[in-house]
Amino acid sequence: MAQIKFHKVTSLPGSLEPDSLYFVQNANYAESYLTNSAGEAKAIGNSVMINALITAALSSLPSSGAPLLFVPDIAARDALESSLTGPVFALVQDATADPTVTAGAALYAWNPVTTSWIKVAEYESMDVTLTWAAIQGKPTSTPSQIDSAVAATHSHANKATLDKLSEAGGLLRFDGSPIPAEWNGTNW
């Protein structure tokens, strides 16, 4: 298992150490980056910084505000251009077709004066995938062996009879009727 190294810097170095977390002090904000085993960085979202950027972008728009549109990808965002007559925000769910976005979604503002999109913020997905092989200290059985064992424990020759046993009102019951303290045979 990799050990994570922590770095507090004022700017992200050109060469990054693998398996590291970088805290970058950036004017009034701090940004975080996590590197993989190859030393490639992924930005970790900073909601304070993102909200400040969105607020600054909103304040630069006319007082009437701008609508927010949700689109699945960059192509759908670009398809909006011919119908736009004023400022608009577009939240693109998969913005990876934008070369400045490595993963996740991005928020764009349409500037009607320059007829261009401005990227306001980017949001990387924090989905985690867990695989059986990655679990430490797991059972030696495979998931299918475990599933088979669980299924087998719930099936046996007298299951239908045993399913008739229950408890209610502090009494052991068979097929809904109380079982007496003594009985004469096995036909109860």
C-alpha atoms as a PDB file:
ATOM      1  CA  MET A   1       0.000   0.000   0.000  1.00  0.00           C
ATOM      2  CA  ALA A   2       1.384   3.412  -0.976  1.00  0.00           C
ATOM      3  CA  GLN A   3       2.212   5.973   1.672  1.00  0.00           C
ATOM      4  CA  ILE A   4       0.803   9.453   0.923  1.00  0.00           C
ATOM      5  CA  LYS A   5       3.203  12.401   1.235  1.00  0.00           C
ATOM      6  CA  PHE A   6       1.879  15.881   2.076  1.00  0.00           C
ATOM      7  CA  HIS A   7       3.305  19.104   0.597  1.00  0.00           C
ATOM      8  CA  LYS A   8       2.378  22.719   1.426  1.00  0.00           C
ATOM      9  CA  VAL A   9       3.541  25.002  -1.413  1.00  0.00           C
ATOM     10  CA  THR A  10       2.768  28.412  -2.921  1.00  0.00           C
ATOM     11  CA  SER A  11       2.657  27.056  -6.482  1.00  0.00           C
ATOM     12  CA  LEU A  12       2.366  23.589  -7.929  1.00  0.00           C
ATOM     13  CA  PRO A  13       5.861  22.308  -8.829  1.00  0.00           C
ATOM     14  CA  GLY A  14       6.609  21.360 -12.434  1.00  0.00           C
ATOM     15  CA  SER A  15       7.589  17.842 -11.387  1.00  0.00           C
ATOM     16  CA  LEU A  16       5.268  16.180  -8.895  1.00  0.00           C
ATOM     17  CA  GLU A  17       6.029  13.326  -6.524  1.00  0.00           C
ATOM     18  CA  PRO A  18       3.843  10.235  -6.899  1.00  0.00           C
ATOM     19  CA  ASP A  19       1.242   9.380  -4.240  1.00  0.00           C
ATOM     20  CA  SER A  20       1.230  12.893  -2.793  1.00  0.00           C
ATOM     21  CA  LEU A  21      -1.257  15.496  -1.648  1.00  0.00           C
ATOM     22  CA  TYR A  22      -0.288  19.075  -2.508  1.00  0.00           C
ATOM     23  CA  PHE A  23      -1.832  22.046  -0.678  1.00  0.00           C
ATOM     24  CA  VAL A  24      -1.259  25.157  -2.808  1.00  0.00           C
ATOM     25  CA  GLN A  25      -1.727  28.587  -1.233  1.00  0.00           C
ATOM     26  CA  ASN A  26      -3.145  30.769  -4.004  1.00  0.00           C
ATOM     27  CA  ALA A  27      -3.857  34.408  -3.011  1.00  0.00           C
ATOM     28  CA  ASN A  28      -7.038  34.209  -0.882  1.00  0.00           C
ATOM     29  CA  TYR A  29      -7.658  30.524  -1.562  1.00  0.00           C
ATOM     30  CA  ALA A  30      -5.998  27.179  -1.117  1.00  0.00           C
ATOM     31  CA  GLU A  31      -6.153  24.505  -3.780  1.00  0.00           C
ATOM     32  CA  SER A  32      -5.538  20.789  -3.356  1.00  0.00           C
ATOM     33  CA  TYR A  33      -4.103  18.284  -5.794  1.00  0.00           C
ATOM     34  CA  LEU A  34      -3.749  14.524  -5.391  1.00  0.00           C
ATOM     35  CA  THR A  35      -1.176  12.635  -7.462  1.00  0.00           C
ATOM     36  CA  ASN A  36      -1.393   9.027  -8.580  1.00  0.00           C
ATOM     37  CA  SER A  37       1.491   6.528  -8.605  1.00  0.00           C
ATOM     38  CA  ALA A  38       2.827   8.117 -11.821  1.00  0.00           C
ATOM     39  CA  GLY A  39       2.903  11.612 -10.290  1.00  0.00           C
ATOM     40  CA  GLU A  40      -0.044  12.885 -12.366  1.00  0.00           C
ATOM     41  CA  ALA A  41      -2.147  15.441 -10.475  1.00  0.00           C
ATOM     42  CA  LYS A  42      -5.923  15.609 -10.143  1.00  0.00           C
ATOM     43  CA  ALA A  43      -7.445  18.787  -8.691  1.00  0.00           C
ATOM     44  CA  ILE A  44      -9.617  18.371  -5.623  1.00  0.00           C
ATOM     45  CA  GLY A  45     -12.615  20.721  -5.606  1.00  0.00           C
ATOM     46  CA  ASN A  46     -12.511  23.768  -3.357  1.00  0.00           C
ATOM     47  CA  SER A  47     -16.092  24.936  -2.835  1.00  0.00           C
ATOM     48  CA  VAL A  48     -15.110  28.324  -1.329  1.00  0.00           C
ATOM     49  CA  MET A  49     -12.947  29.162  -4.339  1.00  0.00           C
ATOM     50  CA  ILE A  50     -15.548  27.859  -6.810  1.00  0.00           C
ATOM     51  CA  ASN A  51     -18.341  29.830  -5.133  1.00  0.00           C
ATOM     52  CA  ALA A  52     -16.210  32.992  -5.171  1.00  0.00           C
ATOM     53  CA  LEU A  53     -15.484  32.518  -8.892  1.00  0.00           C
ATOM     54  CA  ILE A  54     -19.171  31.950  -9.628  1.00  0.00           C
ATOM     55  CA  THR A  55     -20.140  35.027  -7.581  1.00  0.00           C
ATOM     56  CA  ALA A  56     -17.560  37.130  -9.446  1.00  0.00           C
ATOM     57  CA  ALA A  57     -18.837  35.843 -12.794  1.00  0.00           C
ATOM     58  CA  LEU A  58     -22.451  36.511 -11.804  1.00  0.00           C
ATOM     59  CA  SER A  59     -21.656  40.049 -10.665  1.00  0.00           C
ATOM     60  CA  SER A  60     -20.189  40.835 -14.097  1.00  0.00           C
ATOM     61  CA  LEU A  61     -23.490  39.981 -15.792  1.00  0.00           C
ATOM     62  CA  PRO A  62     -26.418  42.352 -16.285  1.00  0.00           C
ATOM     63  CA  SER A  63     -28.679  42.771 -13.252  1.00  0.00           C
ATOM     64  CA  SER A  64     -31.404  40.736 -14.938  1.00  0.00           C
ATOM     65  CA  GLY A  65     -29.206  37.678 -14.354  1.00  0.00           C
ATOM     66  CA  ALA A  66     -28.469  34.835 -16.673  1.00  0.00           C
ATOM     67  CA  PRO A  67     -30.255  31.517 -16.951  1.00  0.00           C
ATOM     68  CA  LEU A  68     -28.485  28.306 -16.045  1.00  0.00           C
ATOM     69  CA  LEU A  69     -28.770  25.494 -18.580  1.00  0.00           C
ATOM     70  CA  PHE A  70     -27.796  21.866 -17.978  1.00  0.00           C
ATOM     71  CA  VAL A  71     -26.298  20.002 -20.936  1.00  0.00           C
ATOM     72  CA  PRO A  72     -24.731  16.541 -21.196  1.00  0.00           C
ATOM     73  CA  ASP A  73     -21.530  17.453 -23.063  1.00  0.00           C
ATOM     74  CA  ILE A  74     -19.505  20.128 -24.903  1.00  0.00           C
ATOM     75  CA  ALA A  75     -21.214  19.373 -28.237  1.00  0.00           C
ATOM     76  CA  ALA A  76     -24.618  20.115 -26.664  1.00  0.00           C
ATOM     77  CA  ARG A  77     -23.220  23.327 -25.156  1.00  0.00           C
ATOM     78  CA  ASP A  78     -21.860  24.431 -28.534  1.00  0.00           C
ATOM     79  CA  ALA A  79     -25.180  23.617 -30.219  1.00  0.00           C
ATOM     80  CA  LEU A  80     -26.784  26.328 -28.052  1.00  0.00           C
ATOM     81  CA  GLU A  81     -24.686  29.137 -29.565  1.00  0.00           C
ATOM     82  CA  SER A  82     -26.926  29.928 -32.534  1.00  0.00           C
ATOM     83  CA  SER A  83     -29.942  30.489 -30.271  1.00  0.00           C
ATOM     84  CA  LEU A  84     -28.227  32.585 -27.562  1.00  0.00           C
ATOM     85  CA  THR A  85     -29.092  36.283 -27.485  1.00  0.00           C
ATOM     86  CA  GLY A  86     -27.793  37.181 -24.034  1.00  0.00           C
ATOM     87  CA  PRO A  87     -25.582  35.910 -21.253  1.00  0.00           C
ATOM     88  CA  VAL A  88     -26.149  32.322 -20.182  1.00  0.00           C
ATOM     89  CA  PHE A  89     -24.508  29.789 -17.872  1.00  0.00           C
ATOM     90  CA  ALA A  90     -24.182  26.186 -19.019  1.00  0.00           C
ATOM     91  CA  LEU A  91     -23.306  23.366 -16.649  1.00  0.00           C
ATOM     92  CA  VAL A  92     -21.747  20.650 -18.810  1.00  0.00           C
ATOM     93  CA  GLN A  93     -21.965  17.222 -17.140  1.00  0.00           C
ATOM     94  CA  ASP A  94     -19.123  15.658 -19.172  1.00  0.00           C
ATOM     95  CA  ALA A  95     -16.740  18.454 -20.163  1.00  0.00           C
ATOM     96  CA  THR A  96     -13.820  16.201 -21.125  1.00  0.00           C
ATOM     97  CA  ALA A  97     -14.070  17.285 -24.790  1.00  0.00           C
ATOM     98  CA  ASP A  98     -12.679  20.639 -23.585  1.00  0.00           C
ATOM     99  CA  PRO A  99      -8.872  20.151 -23.657  1.00  0.00           C
ATOM    100  CA  THR A 100      -8.516  22.191 -20.436  1.00  0.00           C
ATOM    101  CA  VAL A 101     -10.707  19.704 -18.523  1.00  0.00           C
ATOM    102  CA  THR A 102      -9.203  16.342 -17.579  1.00  0.00           C
ATOM    103  CA  ALA A 103     -12.272  14.792 -15.906  1.00  0.00           C
ATOM    104  CA  GLY A 104     -15.750  15.674 -14.730  1.00  0.00           C
ATOM    105  CA  ALA A 105     -18.092  18.602 -15.253  1.00  0.00           C
ATOM    106  CA  ALA A 106     -17.511  22.304 -15.888  1.00  0.00           C
ATOM    107  CA  LEU A 107     -19.506  25.525 -15.638  1.00  0.00           C
ATOM    108  CA  TYR A 108     -19.291  27.908 -18.602  1.00  0.00           C
ATOM    109  CA  ALA A 109     -20.576  31.457 -19.115  1.00  0.00           C
ATOM    110  CA  TRP A 110     -21.623  32.641 -22.602  1.00  0.00           C
ATOM    111  CA  ASN A 111     -20.335  36.150 -23.320  1.00  0.00           C
ATOM    112  CA  PRO A 112     -22.639  37.657 -25.976  1.00  0.00           C
ATOM    113  CA  VAL A 113     -20.208  40.526 -26.635  1.00  0.00           C
ATOM    114  CA  THR A 114     -17.337  38.247 -27.676  1.00  0.00           C
ATOM    115  CA  THR A 115     -19.636  35.364 -28.714  1.00  0.00           C
ATOM    116  CA  SER A 116     -17.498  32.912 -26.793  1.00  0.00           C
ATOM    117  CA  TRP A 117     -17.679  30.557 -23.818  1.00  0.00           C
ATOM    118  CA  ILE A 118     -15.674  31.282 -20.670  1.00  0.00           C
ATOM    119  CA  LYS A 119     -14.924  28.411 -18.318  1.00  0.00           C
ATOM    120  CA  VAL A 120     -15.888  29.548 -14.812  1.00  0.00           C
ATOM    121  CA  ALA A 121     -15.242  26.381 -12.792  1.00  0.00           C
ATOM    122  CA  GLU A 122     -14.571  22.699 -13.167  1.00  0.00           C
ATOM    123  CA  TYR A 123     -15.846  19.866 -11.020  1.00  0.00           C
ATOM    124  CA  GLU A 124     -14.117  16.522 -10.872  1.00  0.00           C
ATOM    125  CA  SER A 125     -16.137  13.467  -9.940  1.00  0.00           C
ATOM    126  CA  MET A 126     -15.145  11.904  -6.646  1.00  0.00           C
ATOM    127  CA  ASP A 127     -16.576   8.471  -7.451  1.00  0.00           C
ATOM    128  CA  VAL A 128     -14.683   5.605  -5.861  1.00  0.00           C
ATOM    129  CA  THR A 129     -14.532   2.131  -7.340  1.00  0.00           C
ATOM    130  CA  LEU A 130     -13.818  -0.748  -4.980  1.00  0.00           C
ATOM    131  CA  THR A 131     -12.786  -4.097  -6.386  1.00  0.00           C
ATOM    132  CA  TRP A 132     -12.551  -7.447  -4.632  1.00  0.00           C
ATOM    133  CA  ALA A 133      -8.829  -7.643  -5.468  1.00  0.00           C
ATOM    134  CA  ALA A 134      -8.175  -4.305  -3.705  1.00  0.00           C
ATOM    135  CA  ILE A 135      -9.666  -5.400  -0.356  1.00  0.00           C
ATOM    136  CA  GLN A 136      -6.985  -6.143   2.229  1.00  0.00           C
ATOM    137  CA  GLY A 137      -7.600  -8.958   4.710  1.00  0.00           C
ATOM    138  CA  LYS A 138     -10.481 -10.353   2.660  1.00  0.00           C
ATOM    139  CA  PRO A 139     -11.690 -13.953   2.984  1.00  0.00           C
ATOM    140  CA  THR A 140      -9.817 -16.540   0.944  1.00  0.00           C
ATOM    141  CA  SER A 141     -13.107 -17.536  -0.699  1.00  0.00           C
ATOM    142  CA  THR A 142     -14.150 -15.857  -3.933  1.00  0.00           C
ATOM    143  CA  PRO A 143     -17.353 -13.790  -4.086  1.00  0.00           C
ATOM    144  CA  SER A 144     -19.068 -16.577  -6.073  1.00  0.00           C
ATOM    145  CA  GLN A 145     -18.041 -19.188  -3.456  1.00  0.00           C
ATOM    146  CA  ILE A 146     -19.470 -16.947  -0.728  1.00  0.00           C
ATOM    147  CA  ASP A 147     -22.709 -16.474  -2.694  1.00  0.00           C
ATOM    148  CA  SER A 148     -23.007 -20.255  -3.170  1.00  0.00           C
ATOM    149  CA  ALA A 149     -22.427 -20.929   0.528  1.00  0.00           C
ATOM    150  CA  VAL A 150     -25.055 -18.377   1.546  1.00  0.00           C
ATOM    151  CA  ALA A 151     -27.567 -19.834  -0.933  1.00  0.00           C
ATOM    152  CA  ALA A 152     -26.875 -23.373   0.324  1.00  0.00           C
ATOM    153  CA  THR A 153     -27.513 -22.424   3.968  1.00  0.00           C
ATOM    154  CA  HIS A 154     -31.023 -21.381   3.026  1.00  0.00           C
ATOM    155  CA  SER A 155     -32.009 -24.664   1.420  1.00  0.00           C
ATOM    156  CA  HIS A 156     -32.385 -28.074   3.070  1.00  0.00           C
ATOM    157  CA  ALA A 157     -34.756 -31.040   3.015  1.00  0.00           C
ATOM    158  CA  ASN A 158     -37.014 -29.932   5.902  1.00  0.00           C
ATOM    159  CA  LYS A 159     -36.978 -26.171   5.172  1.00  0.00           C
ATOM    160  CA  ALA A 160     -40.744 -26.046   4.485  1.00  0.00           C
ATOM    161  CA  THR A 161     -41.471 -27.606   7.902  1.00  0.00           C
ATOM    162  CA  LEU A 162     -38.983 -25.389   9.744  1.00  0.00           C
ATOM    163  CA  ASP A 163     -40.447 -22.284   8.080  1.00  0.00           C
ATOM    164  CA  LYS A 164     -43.708 -23.061   9.927  1.00  0.00           C
ATOM    165  CA  LEU A 165     -41.973 -22.457  13.283  1.00  0.00           C
ATOM    166  CA  SER A 166     -42.412 -18.966  14.692  1.00  0.00           C
ATOM    167  CA  GLU A 167     -42.741 -17.031  17.952  1.00  0.00           C
ATOM    168  CA  ALA A 168     -45.580 -14.763  18.988  1.00  0.00           C
ATOM    169  CA  GLY A 169     -46.713 -13.570  22.400  1.00  0.00           C
ATOM    170  CA  GLY A 170     -43.769 -15.332  24.057  1.00  0.00           C
ATOM    171  CA  LEU A 171     -44.907 -18.744  22.765  1.00  0.00           C
ATOM    172  CA  LEU A 172     -43.230 -21.031  20.276  1.00  0.00           C
ATOM    173  CA  ARG A 173     -45.706 -21.674  17.473  1.00  0.00           C
ATOM    174  CA  PHE A 174     -46.054 -24.181  14.655  1.00  0.00           C
ATOM    175  CA  ASP A 175     -48.105 -23.149  11.642  1.00  0.00           C
ATOM    176  CA  GLY A 176     -49.526 -20.253  13.710  1.00  0.00           C
ATOM    177  CA  SER A 177     -50.715 -22.392  16.671  1.00  0.00           C
ATOM    178  CA  PRO A 178     -48.979 -22.492  20.082  1.00  0.00           C
ATOM    179  CA  ILE A 179     -46.929 -25.609  20.753  1.00  0.00           C
ATOM    180  CA  PRO A 180     -47.941 -27.183  24.099  1.00  0.00           C
ATOM    181  CA  ALA A 181     -45.281 -27.844  26.716  1.00  0.00           C
ATOM    182  CA  GLU A 182     -45.821 -31.602  26.145  1.00  0.00           C
ATOM    183  CA  TRP A 183     -46.926 -33.441  23.047  1.00  0.00           C
ATOM    184  CA  ASN A 184     -47.536 -37.024  22.161  1.00  0.00           C
ATOM    185  CA  GLY A 185     -45.693 -37.382  18.906  1.00  0.00           C
ATOM    186  CA  THR A 186     -44.026 -35.768  15.967  1.00  0.00           C
ATOM    187  CA  ASN A 187     -47.244 -34.930  14.094  1.00  0.00           C
ATOM    188  CA  TRP A 188     -47.588 -31.446  15.537  1.00  0.00           C
END
